[in-house]
Amino acid sequence: MTTRTPNIGYLVVGLVFIGLAGTWFLAEVDVIDPSGTRWLLPAVLLGAGLIGLSASLTRGLVRRTRPEPLDTTYDEDQPVLDVTTDLDRKLAEHETTGEQQ
């Protein structure tokens, strides 16, 4: 499974779209005056910009941290799985059944 980081540009554009749609909806249902959108639209743009800026700064800080190295120590008590004998057995079975057909 691959994990992908979200695109910050898409996040900001989505927030702007939701903010504009929400502002339009509030103006249509008369919750706010249409003249009240004069301060609400810039607030939406500023909010989306601040969220995008903080997301990009957070991403930059997370990329700078290095993961801990993997434990590559060899444990002598663990049995080693020998898959070649199983493959040889299956190949021999296949050859004998193939000759009979």
PDB file of N, CA and C in Angstrom:
ATOM      1  N   MET A   1       0.843  -1.167   0.000  1.00  0.00           N
ATOM      2  CA  MET A   1       0.000   0.000   0.000  1.00  0.00           C
ATOM      3  C   MET A   1       0.890   1.232   0.000  1.00  0.00           C
ATOM      4  N   THR A   2       0.606   2.155  -0.879  1.00  0.00           N
ATOM      5  CA  THR A   2       1.378   3.383  -0.921  1.00  0.00           C
ATOM      6  C   THR A   2       0.606   4.489  -0.228  1.00  0.00           C
ATOM      7  N   THR A   3       1.329   5.334   0.437  1.00  0.00           N
ATOM      8  CA  THR A   3       0.702   6.487   1.067  1.00  0.00           C
ATOM      9  C   THR A   3       1.166   7.720   0.337  1.00  0.00           C
ATOM     10  N   ARG A   4       0.238   8.556  -0.024  1.00  0.00           N
ATOM     11  CA  ARG A   4       0.566   9.777  -0.729  1.00  0.00           C
ATOM     12  C   ARG A   4       0.205  10.956   0.150  1.00  0.00           C
ATOM     13  N   THR A   5       1.026  11.969   0.098  1.00  0.00           N
ATOM     14  CA  THR A   5       0.721  13.179   0.840  1.00  0.00           C
ATOM     15  C   THR A   5      -0.271  14.006   0.037  1.00  0.00           C
ATOM     16  N   PRO A   6      -1.204  14.645   0.708  1.00  0.00           N
ATOM     17  CA  PRO A   6      -2.175  15.443  -0.038  1.00  0.00           C
ATOM     18  C   PRO A   6      -1.513  16.668  -0.670  1.00  0.00           C
ATOM     19  N   ASN A   7      -2.047  17.091  -1.785  1.00  0.00           N
ATOM     20  CA  ASN A   7      -1.543  18.264  -2.486  1.00  0.00           C
ATOM     21  C   ASN A   7      -2.078  19.508  -1.791  1.00  0.00           C
ATOM     22  N   ILE A   8      -1.197  20.396  -1.378  1.00  0.00           N
ATOM     23  CA  ILE A   8      -1.606  21.578  -0.621  1.00  0.00           C
ATOM     24  C   ILE A   8      -2.385  22.532  -1.515  1.00  0.00           C
ATOM     25  N   GLY A   9      -2.031  22.624  -2.777  1.00  0.00           N
ATOM     26  CA  GLY A   9      -2.773  23.487  -3.700  1.00  0.00           C
ATOM     27  C   GLY A   9      -4.225  23.067  -3.819  1.00  0.00           C
ATOM     28  N   TYR A  10      -4.468  21.770  -3.904  1.00  0.00           N
ATOM     29  CA  TYR A  10      -5.838  21.272  -3.968  1.00  0.00           C
ATOM     30  C   TYR A  10      -6.588  21.585  -2.677  1.00  0.00           C
ATOM     31  N   LEU A  11      -5.900  21.486  -1.559  1.00  0.00           N
ATOM     32  CA  LEU A  11      -6.509  21.801  -0.275  1.00  0.00           C
ATOM     33  C   LEU A  11      -6.956  23.258  -0.234  1.00  0.00           C
ATOM     34  N   VAL A  12      -6.088  24.166  -0.639  1.00  0.00           N
ATOM     35  CA  VAL A  12      -6.417  25.595  -0.595  1.00  0.00           C
ATOM     36  C   VAL A  12      -7.549  25.919  -1.562  1.00  0.00           C
ATOM     37  N   VAL A  13      -7.493  25.395  -2.776  1.00  0.00           N
ATOM     38  CA  VAL A  13      -8.562  25.661  -3.749  1.00  0.00           C
ATOM     39  C   VAL A  13      -9.890  25.091  -3.253  1.00  0.00           C
ATOM     40  N   GLY A  14      -9.870  23.922  -2.651  1.00  0.00           N
ATOM     41  CA  GLY A  14     -11.091  23.344  -2.102  1.00  0.00           C
ATOM     42  C   GLY A  14     -11.658  24.181  -0.971  1.00  0.00           C
ATOM     43  N   LEU A  15     -10.784  24.682  -0.107  1.00  0.00           N
ATOM     44  CA  LEU A  15     -11.258  25.537   0.982  1.00  0.00           C
ATOM     45  C   LEU A  15     -11.835  26.846   0.464  1.00  0.00           C
ATOM     46  N   VAL A  16     -11.199  27.426  -0.555  1.00  0.00           N
ATOM     47  CA  VAL A  16     -11.734  28.654  -1.159  1.00  0.00           C
ATOM     48  C   VAL A  16     -13.098  28.382  -1.780  1.00  0.00           C
ATOM     49  N   PHE A  17     -13.230  27.269  -2.488  1.00  0.00           N
ATOM     50  CA  PHE A  17     -14.511  26.920  -3.105  1.00  0.00           C
ATOM     51  C   PHE A  17     -15.588  26.721  -2.051  1.00  0.00           C
ATOM     52  N   ILE A  18     -15.284  25.998  -0.996  1.00  0.00           N
ATOM     53  CA  ILE A  18     -16.270  25.782   0.069  1.00  0.00           C
ATOM     54  C   ILE A  18     -16.637  27.102   0.736  1.00  0.00           C
ATOM     55  N   GLY A  19     -15.637  27.971   0.948  1.00  0.00           N
ATOM     56  CA  GLY A  19     -15.911  29.267   1.557  1.00  0.00           C
ATOM     57  C   GLY A  19     -16.776  30.150   0.682  1.00  0.00           C
ATOM     58  N   LEU A  20     -16.495  30.171  -0.621  1.00  0.00           N
ATOM     59  CA  LEU A  20     -17.312  30.972  -1.536  1.00  0.00           C
ATOM     60  C   LEU A  20     -18.737  30.428  -1.632  1.00  0.00           C
ATOM     61  N   ALA A  21     -18.850  29.111  -1.714  1.00  0.00           N
ATOM     62  CA  ALA A  21     -20.178  28.512  -1.781  1.00  0.00           C
ATOM     63  C   ALA A  21     -20.948  28.757  -0.480  1.00  0.00           C
ATOM     64  N   GLY A  22     -20.254  28.669   0.654  1.00  0.00           N
ATOM     65  CA  GLY A  22     -20.913  28.938   1.933  1.00  0.00           C
ATOM     66  C   GLY A  22     -21.347  30.386   2.062  1.00  0.00           C
ATOM     67  N   THR A  23     -20.508  31.296   1.570  1.00  0.00           N
ATOM     68  CA  THR A  23     -20.871  32.717   1.603  1.00  0.00           C
ATOM     69  C   THR A  23     -22.083  32.982   0.721  1.00  0.00           C
ATOM     70  N   TRP A  24     -22.085  32.399  -0.465  1.00  0.00           N
ATOM     71  CA  TRP A  24     -23.233  32.565  -1.358  1.00  0.00           C
ATOM     72  C   TRP A  24     -24.493  31.998  -0.712  1.00  0.00           C
ATOM     73  N   PHE A  25     -24.387  30.825  -0.108  1.00  0.00           N
ATOM     74  CA  PHE A  25     -25.545  30.202   0.520  1.00  0.00           C
ATOM     75  C   PHE A  25     -26.082  31.060   1.663  1.00  0.00           C
ATOM     76  N   LEU A  26     -25.194  31.576   2.504  1.00  0.00           N
ATOM     77  CA  LEU A  26     -25.633  32.416   3.623  1.00  0.00           C
ATOM     78  C   LEU A  26     -26.289  33.701   3.132  1.00  0.00           C
ATOM     79  N   ALA A  27     -25.802  34.243   2.017  1.00  0.00           N
ATOM     80  CA  ALA A  27     -26.425  35.443   1.458  1.00  0.00           C
ATOM     81  C   ALA A  27     -27.784  35.123   0.840  1.00  0.00           C
ATOM     82  N   GLU A  28     -27.916  33.946   0.240  1.00  0.00           N
ATOM     83  CA  GLU A  28     -29.186  33.572  -0.390  1.00  0.00           C
ATOM     84  C   GLU A  28     -30.285  33.292   0.629  1.00  0.00           C
ATOM     85  N   VAL A  29     -29.952  32.717   1.752  1.00  0.00           N
ATOM     86  CA  VAL A  29     -30.977  32.408   2.762  1.00  0.00           C
ATOM     87  C   VAL A  29     -31.147  33.555   3.749  1.00  0.00           C
ATOM     88  N   ASP A  30     -30.570  34.708   3.428  1.00  0.00           N
ATOM     89  CA  ASP A  30     -30.698  35.939   4.204  1.00  0.00           C
ATOM     90  C   ASP A  30     -30.175  35.821   5.625  1.00  0.00           C
ATOM     91  N   VAL A  31     -29.164  35.019   5.830  1.00  0.00           N
ATOM     92  CA  VAL A  31     -28.497  34.978   7.129  1.00  0.00           C
ATOM     93  C   VAL A  31     -27.580  36.192   7.255  1.00  0.00           C
ATOM     94  N   ILE A  32     -26.949  36.567   6.145  1.00  0.00           N
ATOM     95  CA  ILE A  32     -26.122  37.776   6.110  1.00  0.00           C
ATOM     96  C   ILE A  32     -26.614  38.665   4.982  1.00  0.00           C
ATOM     97  N   ASP A  33     -26.358  39.931   5.103  1.00  0.00           N
ATOM     98  CA  ASP A  33     -26.692  40.869   4.018  1.00  0.00           C
ATOM     99  C   ASP A  33     -25.748  40.626   2.847  1.00  0.00           C
ATOM    100  N   PRO A  34     -26.233  40.837   1.629  1.00  0.00           N
ATOM    101  CA  PRO A  34     -25.307  40.749   0.495  1.00  0.00           C
ATOM    102  C   PRO A  34     -24.162  41.750   0.616  1.00  0.00           C
ATOM    103  N   SER A  35     -24.389  42.848   1.285  1.00  0.00           N
ATOM    104  CA  SER A  35     -23.293  43.795   1.485  1.00  0.00           C
ATOM    105  C   SER A  35     -22.313  43.279   2.544  1.00  0.00           C
ATOM    106  N   GLY A  36     -22.741  42.316   3.341  1.00  0.00           N
ATOM    107  CA  GLY A  36     -21.867  41.729   4.353  1.00  0.00           C
ATOM    108  C   GLY A  36     -20.803  40.828   3.770  1.00  0.00           C
ATOM    109  N   THR A  37     -20.967  40.450   2.520  1.00  0.00           N
ATOM    110  CA  THR A  37     -19.953  39.604   1.879  1.00  0.00           C
ATOM    111  C   THR A  37     -18.690  40.394   1.578  1.00  0.00           C
ATOM    112  N   ARG A  38     -18.784  41.709   1.729  1.00  0.00           N
ATOM    113  CA  ARG A  38     -17.613  42.537   1.472  1.00  0.00           C
ATOM    114  C   ARG A  38     -16.471  42.187   2.423  1.00  0.00           C
ATOM    115  N   TRP A  39     -16.762  41.773   3.636  1.00  0.00           N
ATOM    116  CA  TRP A  39     -15.719  41.385   4.590  1.00  0.00           C
ATOM    117  C   TRP A  39     -15.578  39.870   4.673  1.00  0.00           C
ATOM    118  N   LEU A  40     -16.631  39.135   4.291  1.00  0.00           N
ATOM    119  CA  LEU A  40     -16.585  37.679   4.431  1.00  0.00           C
ATOM    120  C   LEU A  40     -15.724  37.020   3.352  1.00  0.00           C
ATOM    121  N   LEU A  41     -15.780  37.502   2.130  1.00  0.00           N
ATOM    122  CA  LEU A  41     -14.985  36.901   1.053  1.00  0.00           C
ATOM    123  C   LEU A  41     -13.480  37.051   1.297  1.00  0.00           C
ATOM    124  N   PRO A  42     -12.980  38.223   1.682  1.00  0.00           N
ATOM    125  CA  PRO A  42     -11.548  38.289   2.003  1.00  0.00           C
ATOM    126  C   PRO A  42     -11.172  37.426   3.205  1.00  0.00           C
ATOM    127  N   ALA A  43     -12.091  37.285   4.154  1.00  0.00           N
ATOM    128  CA  ALA A  43     -11.800  36.423   5.304  1.00  0.00           C
ATOM    129  C   ALA A  43     -11.649  34.967   4.864  1.00  0.00           C
ATOM    130  N   VAL A  44     -12.471  34.536   3.914  1.00  0.00           N
ATOM    131  CA  VAL A  44     -12.364  33.175   3.379  1.00  0.00           C
ATOM    132  C   VAL A  44     -11.019  32.991   2.689  1.00  0.00           C
ATOM    133  N   LEU A  45     -10.621  33.960   1.874  1.00  0.00           N
ATOM    134  CA  LEU A  45      -9.349  33.859   1.161  1.00  0.00           C
ATOM    135  C   LEU A  45      -8.167  33.869   2.132  1.00  0.00           C
ATOM    136  N   LEU A  46      -8.225  34.727   3.138  1.00  0.00           N
ATOM    137  CA  LEU A  46      -7.146  34.765   4.129  1.00  0.00           C
ATOM    138  C   LEU A  46      -7.073  33.463   4.929  1.00  0.00           C
ATOM    139  N   GLY A  47      -8.218  32.954   5.308  1.00  0.00           N
ATOM    140  CA  GLY A  47      -8.246  31.701   6.072  1.00  0.00           C
ATOM    141  C   GLY A  47      -7.684  30.538   5.267  1.00  0.00           C
ATOM    142  N   ALA A  48      -8.098  30.426   4.003  1.00  0.00           N
ATOM    143  CA  ALA A  48      -7.587  29.344   3.153  1.00  0.00           C
ATOM    144  C   ALA A  48      -6.088  29.507   2.929  1.00  0.00           C
ATOM    145  N   GLY A  49      -5.639  30.747   2.751  1.00  0.00           N
ATOM    146  CA  GLY A  49      -4.210  30.978   2.562  1.00  0.00           C
ATOM    147  C   GLY A  49      -3.399  30.625   3.793  1.00  0.00           C
ATOM    148  N   LEU A  50      -3.918  30.972   4.964  1.00  0.00           N
ATOM    149  CA  LEU A  50      -3.205  30.639   6.207  1.00  0.00           C
ATOM    150  C   LEU A  50      -3.155  29.126   6.435  1.00  0.00           C
ATOM    151  N   ILE A  51      -4.239  28.452   6.124  1.00  0.00           N
ATOM    152  CA  ILE A  51      -4.242  26.987   6.271  1.00  0.00           C
ATOM    153  C   ILE A  51      -3.248  26.362   5.292  1.00  0.00           C
ATOM    154  N   GLY A  52      -3.212  26.858   4.053  1.00  0.00           N
ATOM    155  CA  GLY A  52      -2.253  26.344   3.076  1.00  0.00           C
ATOM    156  C   GLY A  52      -0.820  26.616   3.489  1.00  0.00           C
ATOM    157  N   LEU A  53      -0.561  27.816   4.033  1.00  0.00           N
ATOM    158  CA  LEU A  53       0.784  28.154   4.484  1.00  0.00           C
ATOM    159  C   LEU A  53       1.215  27.265   5.643  1.00  0.00           C
ATOM    160  N   SER A  54       0.317  27.069   6.594  1.00  0.00           N
ATOM    161  CA  SER A  54       0.679  26.210   7.732  1.00  0.00           C
ATOM    162  C   SER A  54       0.870  24.759   7.292  1.00  0.00           C
ATOM    163  N   ALA A  55       0.078  24.296   6.327  1.00  0.00           N
ATOM    164  CA  ALA A  55       0.239  22.922   5.831  1.00  0.00           C
ATOM    165  C   ALA A  55       1.572  22.757   5.111  1.00  0.00           C
ATOM    166  N   SER A  56       1.969  23.752   4.324  1.00  0.00           N
ATOM    167  CA  SER A  56       3.247  23.625   3.625  1.00  0.00           C
ATOM    168  C   SER A  56       4.425  23.716   4.594  1.00  0.00           C
ATOM    169  N   LEU A  57       4.315  24.543   5.612  1.00  0.00           N
ATOM    170  CA  LEU A  57       5.387  24.610   6.612  1.00  0.00           C
ATOM    171  C   LEU A  57       5.478  23.315   7.408  1.00  0.00           C
ATOM    172  N   THR A  58       4.335  22.749   7.742  1.00  0.00           N
ATOM    173  CA  THR A  58       4.320  21.479   8.473  1.00  0.00           C
ATOM    174  C   THR A  58       4.932  20.374   7.623  1.00  0.00           C
ATOM    175  N   ARG A  59       4.591  20.357   6.340  1.00  0.00           N
ATOM    176  CA  ARG A  59       5.144  19.334   5.441  1.00  0.00           C
ATOM    177  C   ARG A  59       6.660  19.484   5.345  1.00  0.00           C
ATOM    178  N   GLY A  60       7.135  20.718   5.279  1.00  0.00           N
ATOM    179  CA  GLY A  60       8.579  20.945   5.208  1.00  0.00           C
ATOM    180  C   GLY A  60       9.291  20.486   6.465  1.00  0.00           C
ATOM    181  N   LEU A  61       8.667  20.680   7.619  1.00  0.00           N
ATOM    182  CA  LEU A  61       9.282  20.233   8.865  1.00  0.00           C
ATOM    183  C   LEU A  61       9.277  18.721   8.982  1.00  0.00           C
ATOM    184  N   VAL A  62       8.208  18.098   8.509  1.00  0.00           N
ATOM    185  CA  VAL A  62       8.112  16.636   8.593  1.00  0.00           C
ATOM    186  C   VAL A  62       9.125  15.988   7.663  1.00  0.00           C
ATOM    187  N   ARG A  63       9.362  16.576   6.491  1.00  0.00           N
ATOM    188  CA  ARG A  63      10.324  15.995   5.555  1.00  0.00           C
ATOM    189  C   ARG A  63      11.751  16.067   6.077  1.00  0.00           C
ATOM    190  N   ARG A  64      12.034  17.061   6.918  1.00  0.00           N
ATOM    191  CA  ARG A  64      13.398  17.214   7.419  1.00  0.00           C
ATOM    192  C   ARG A  64      13.745  16.189   8.485  1.00  0.00           C
ATOM    193  N   THR A  65      12.747  15.636   9.164  1.00  0.00           N
ATOM    194  CA  THR A  65      13.044  14.644  10.185  1.00  0.00           C
ATOM    195  C   THR A  65      13.372  13.329   9.497  1.00  0.00           C
ATOM    196  N   ARG A  66      14.394  12.674   9.984  1.00  0.00           N
ATOM    197  CA  ARG A  66      14.817  11.413   9.381  1.00  0.00           C
ATOM    198  C   ARG A  66      14.241  10.250  10.182  1.00  0.00           C
ATOM    199  N   PRO A  67      13.800   9.214   9.497  1.00  0.00           N
ATOM    200  CA  PRO A  67      13.291   8.051  10.219  1.00  0.00           C
ATOM    201  C   PRO A  67      14.428   7.302  10.901  1.00  0.00           C
ATOM    202  N   GLU A  68      14.067   6.570  11.928  1.00  0.00           N
ATOM    203  CA  GLU A  68      15.070   5.766  12.625  1.00  0.00           C
ATOM    204  C   GLU A  68      15.539   4.645  11.704  1.00  0.00           C
ATOM    205  N   PRO A  69      16.813   4.287  11.771  1.00  0.00           N
ATOM    206  CA  PRO A  69      17.294   3.209  10.900  1.00  0.00           C
ATOM    207  C   PRO A  69      16.662   1.871  11.278  1.00  0.00           C
ATOM    208  N   LEU A  70      16.524   1.034  10.290  1.00  0.00           N
ATOM    209  CA  LEU A  70      15.943  -0.282  10.516  1.00  0.00           C
ATOM    210  C   LEU A  70      16.911  -1.162  11.294  1.00  0.00           C
ATOM    211  N   ASP A  71      16.350  -2.065  12.082  1.00  0.00           N
ATOM    212  CA  ASP A  71      17.166  -3.006  12.834  1.00  0.00           C
ATOM    213  C   ASP A  71      17.571  -4.130  11.885  1.00  0.00           C
ATOM    214  N   THR A  72      18.830  -4.170  11.514  1.00  0.00           N
ATOM    215  CA  THR A  72      19.310  -5.174  10.560  1.00  0.00           C
ATOM    216  C   THR A  72      20.187  -6.221  11.232  1.00  0.00           C
ATOM    217  N   THR A  73      20.028  -6.378  12.526  1.00  0.00           N
ATOM    218  CA  THR A  73      20.844  -7.374  13.214  1.00  0.00           C
ATOM    219  C   THR A  73      20.363  -8.768  12.848  1.00  0.00           C
ATOM    220  N   TYR A  74      21.287  -9.683  12.800  1.00  0.00           N
ATOM    221  CA  TYR A  74      20.988 -11.062  12.426  1.00  0.00           C
ATOM    222  C   TYR A  74      20.820 -11.885  13.697  1.00  0.00           C
ATOM    223  N   ASP A  75      19.707 -12.590  13.783  1.00  0.00           N
ATOM    224  CA  ASP A  75      19.436 -13.430  14.947  1.00  0.00           C
ATOM    225  C   ASP A  75      19.785 -14.877  14.577  1.00  0.00           C
ATOM    226  N   GLU A  76      20.764 -15.425  15.265  1.00  0.00           N
ATOM    227  CA  GLU A  76      21.231 -16.782  14.944  1.00  0.00           C
ATOM    228  C   GLU A  76      20.223 -17.851  15.346  1.00  0.00           C
ATOM    229  N   ASP A  77      19.313 -17.537  16.251  1.00  0.00           N
ATOM    230  CA  ASP A  77      18.350 -18.529  16.716  1.00  0.00           C
ATOM    231  C   ASP A  77      17.189 -18.708  15.740  1.00  0.00           C
ATOM    232  N   GLN A  78      16.988 -17.763  14.839  1.00  0.00           N
ATOM    233  CA  GLN A  78      15.889 -17.869  13.900  1.00  0.00           C
ATOM    234  C   GLN A  78      16.239 -18.885  12.819  1.00  0.00           C
ATOM    235  N   PRO A  79      15.327 -19.803  12.506  1.00  0.00           N
ATOM    236  CA  PRO A  79      15.617 -20.762  11.438  1.00  0.00           C
ATOM    237  C   PRO A  79      15.578 -20.076  10.073  1.00  0.00           C
ATOM    238  N   VAL A  80      16.410 -20.558   9.192  1.00  0.00           N
ATOM    239  CA  VAL A  80      16.460 -20.022   7.838  1.00  0.00           C
ATOM    240  C   VAL A  80      15.533 -20.859   6.972  1.00  0.00           C
ATOM    241  N   LEU A  81      14.642 -20.218   6.284  1.00  0.00           N
ATOM    242  CA  LEU A  81      13.687 -20.902   5.432  1.00  0.00           C
ATOM    243  C   LEU A  81      14.361 -21.276   4.123  1.00  0.00           C
ATOM    244  N   ASP A  82      14.375 -22.555   3.832  1.00  0.00           N
ATOM    245  CA  ASP A  82      14.993 -23.030   2.600  1.00  0.00           C
ATOM    246  C   ASP A  82      13.884 -23.290   1.587  1.00  0.00           C
ATOM    247  N   VAL A  83      13.723 -22.399   0.654  1.00  0.00           N
ATOM    248  CA  VAL A  83      12.658 -22.541  -0.330  1.00  0.00           C
ATOM    249  C   VAL A  83      13.111 -23.318  -1.558  1.00  0.00           C
ATOM    250  N   THR A  84      14.401 -23.553  -1.701  1.00  0.00           N
ATOM    251  CA  THR A  84      14.871 -24.240  -2.899  1.00  0.00           C
ATOM    252  C   THR A  84      14.447 -25.701  -2.902  1.00  0.00           C
ATOM    253  N   THR A  85      14.413 -26.348  -1.740  1.00  0.00           N
ATOM    254  CA  THR A  85      14.006 -27.750  -1.726  1.00  0.00           C
ATOM    255  C   THR A  85      12.542 -27.891  -2.089  1.00  0.00           C
ATOM    256  N   ASP A  86      11.715 -26.934  -1.661  1.00  0.00           N
ATOM    257  CA  ASP A  86      10.304 -26.978  -2.001  1.00  0.00           C
ATOM    258  C   ASP A  86      10.123 -26.746  -3.498  1.00  0.00           C
ATOM    259  N   LEU A  87      10.897 -25.832  -4.059  1.00  0.00           N
ATOM    260  CA  LEU A  87      10.815 -25.582  -5.493  1.00  0.00           C
ATOM    261  C   LEU A  87      11.286 -26.792  -6.292  1.00  0.00           C
ATOM    262  N   ASP A  88      12.355 -27.437  -5.832  1.00  0.00           N
ATOM    263  CA  ASP A  88      12.840 -28.630  -6.523  1.00  0.00           C
ATOM    264  C   ASP A  88      11.786 -29.731  -6.492  1.00  0.00           C
ATOM    265  N   ARG A  89      11.125 -29.886  -5.345  1.00  0.00           N
ATOM    266  CA  ARG A  89      10.090 -30.914  -5.215  1.00  0.00           C
ATOM    267  C   ARG A  89       8.926 -30.618  -6.162  1.00  0.00           C
ATOM    268  N   LYS A  90       8.494 -29.369  -6.212  1.00  0.00           N
ATOM    269  CA  LYS A  90       7.375 -29.015  -7.089  1.00  0.00           C
ATOM    270  C   LYS A  90       7.756 -29.165  -8.563  1.00  0.00           C
ATOM    271  N   LEU A  91       8.980 -28.822  -8.902  1.00  0.00           N
ATOM    272  CA  LEU A  91       9.431 -28.979 -10.277  1.00  0.00           C
ATOM    273  C   LEU A  91       9.467 -30.448 -10.659  1.00  0.00           C
ATOM    274  N   ALA A  92       9.941 -31.284  -9.746  1.00  0.00           N
ATOM    275  CA  ALA A  92       9.982 -32.721 -10.022  1.00  0.00           C
ATOM    276  C   ALA A  92       8.570 -33.281 -10.184  1.00  0.00           C
ATOM    277  N   GLU A  93       7.634 -32.835  -9.342  1.00  0.00           N
ATOM    278  CA  GLU A  93       6.246 -33.290  -9.474  1.00  0.00           C
ATOM    279  C   GLU A  93       5.669 -32.864 -10.811  1.00  0.00           C
ATOM    280  N   HIS A  94       5.945 -31.650 -11.214  1.00  0.00           N
ATOM    281  CA  HIS A  94       5.419 -31.140 -12.471  1.00  0.00           C
ATOM    282  C   HIS A  94       5.999 -31.918 -13.657  1.00  0.00           C
ATOM    283  N   GLU A  95       7.282 -32.252 -13.579  1.00  0.00           N
ATOM    284  CA  GLU A  95       7.904 -32.985 -14.682  1.00  0.00           C
ATOM    285  C   GLU A  95       7.336 -34.391 -14.788  1.00  0.00           C
ATOM    286  N   THR A  96       7.076 -35.028 -13.643  1.00  0.00           N
ATOM    287  CA  THR A  96       6.531 -36.390 -13.700  1.00  0.00           C
ATOM    288  C   THR A  96       5.085 -36.383 -14.149  1.00  0.00           C
ATOM    289  N   THR A  97       4.290 -35.409 -13.741  1.00  0.00           N
ATOM    290  CA  THR A  97       2.895 -35.366 -14.203  1.00  0.00           C
ATOM    291  C   THR A  97       2.831 -34.903 -15.649  1.00  0.00           C
ATOM    292  N   GLY A  98       3.774 -34.094 -16.081  1.00  0.00           N
ATOM    293  CA  GLY A  98       3.794 -33.629 -17.480  1.00  0.00           C
ATOM    294  C   GLY A  98       4.141 -34.746 -18.434  1.00  0.00           C
ATOM    295  N   GLU A  99       5.001 -35.687 -17.997  1.00  0.00           N
ATOM    296  CA  GLU A  99       5.399 -36.792 -18.867  1.00  0.00           C
ATOM    297  C   GLU A  99       4.254 -37.791 -19.016  1.00  0.00           C
ATOM    298  N   GLN A 100       3.388 -37.890 -17.989  1.00  0.00           N
ATOM    299  CA  GLN A 100       2.292 -38.857 -18.050  1.00  0.00           C
ATOM    300  C   GLN A 100       1.186 -38.364 -18.963  1.00  0.00           C
ATOM    301  N   GLN A 101       1.083 -37.071 -19.181  1.00  0.00           N
ATOM    302  CA  GLN A 101      -0.031 -36.560 -19.997  1.00  0.00           C
ATOM    303  C   GLN A 101       0.193 -36.726 -21.430  1.00  0.00           C
TER     304      GLN A 101
END
